[in-house]
């Protein structure tokens, strides 16, 4: 991931139907699968409620941080 001449390490940790999202080893949010759709949250704020894939939810979450894959 990058942001204007900076690089960030993004990692995912799967725990059942929940995927925790980390940027530079710090948890920023989670992606949860619910009846075939995916919801991405940052803290208590829902960034995307009905993504078609885990990747789509991740991209929406990173875009809210101005990080791009």
Protein backbone atom coordinates (compact mmCIF):
# COMPACT_ATOMS: atom_id res chain seq x y z
CA UNK A 1 0.00 0.00 0.00
CA UNK A 2 1.25 3.49 -0.62
CA UNK A 3 0.45 7.10 0.15
CA UNK A 4 2.52 9.83 -1.53
CA UNK A 5 6.04 8.40 -1.37
CA UNK A 6 5.33 6.32 1.74
CA UNK A 7 4.79 2.58 2.00
CA UNK A 8 2.61 0.76 4.49
CA UNK A 9 2.41 -2.94 5.30
CA UNK A 10 -1.16 -4.26 5.27
CA UNK A 11 -1.94 -7.64 6.78
CA UNK A 12 -5.10 -9.63 7.38
CA UNK A 13 -5.81 -12.08 10.20
CA UNK A 14 -8.76 -14.42 9.71
CA UNK A 15 -10.81 -15.45 12.75
CA UNK A 16 -13.85 -17.48 11.59
CA UNK A 17 -16.17 -15.20 9.57
CA UNK A 18 -14.23 -12.15 10.76
CA UNK A 19 -11.06 -10.77 9.16
CA UNK A 20 -9.04 -8.23 11.13
CA UNK A 21 -7.21 -5.60 9.06
CA UNK A 22 -3.82 -4.30 10.20
CA UNK A 23 -1.74 -1.42 8.78
CA UNK A 24 1.85 -1.40 9.97
CA UNK A 25 0.99 -3.99 12.66
CA UNK A 26 -1.80 -1.78 14.08
CA UNK A 27 -5.40 -2.98 13.85
CA UNK A 28 -7.54 -0.47 11.96
CA UNK A 29 -10.74 -2.41 11.44
CA UNK A 30 -12.42 -5.61 10.42
CA UNK A 31 -14.31 -7.27 7.60
CA UNK A 32 -17.25 -9.50 8.44
CA UNK A 33 -19.08 -11.88 6.12
CA UNK A 34 -22.85 -11.92 6.53
CA UNK A 35 -25.12 -13.91 4.21
CA UNK A 36 -22.84 -13.67 1.17
CA UNK A 37 -21.96 -9.98 1.51
CA UNK A 38 -19.08 -8.35 3.33
CA UNK A 39 -19.13 -5.38 5.71
CA UNK A 40 -16.01 -3.34 6.45
CA UNK A 41 -15.79 -1.32 9.66
CA UNK A 42 -13.21 1.06 11.06
CA UNK A 43 -13.79 1.14 14.79
CA UNK A 44 -17.55 1.60 15.10
CA UNK A 45 -17.95 3.31 11.73
CA UNK A 46 -19.21 1.16 8.86
CA UNK A 47 -17.24 2.03 5.73
CA UNK A 48 -19.00 -0.37 3.38
CA UNK A 49 -22.04 -2.43 4.31
CA UNK A 50 -22.59 -4.69 1.30
CA UNK A 51 -19.40 -5.42 -0.59
CA UNK A 52 -19.50 -8.31 -3.05
CA UNK A 53 -16.09 -9.63 -1.94
CA UNK A 54 -13.60 -9.40 0.90
CA UNK A 55 -11.23 -7.57 -1.46
CA UNK A 56 -13.86 -4.93 -2.30
CA UNK A 57 -14.46 -4.30 1.41
CA UNK A 58 -10.70 -4.04 2.02
CA UNK A 59 -10.27 -1.54 -0.83
CA UNK A 60 -13.06 0.67 0.56
CA UNK A 61 -11.48 0.60 4.02
CA UNK A 62 -8.02 1.49 2.71
CA UNK A 63 -9.43 4.26 0.51
CA UNK A 64 -10.95 5.86 3.60
CA UNK A 65 -7.37 6.03 4.94
CA UNK A 66 -6.20 7.42 1.55
CA UNK A 67 -4.18 4.25 0.97
CA UNK A 68 -4.32 2.62 -2.44
CA UNK A 69 -3.38 -0.88 -3.55
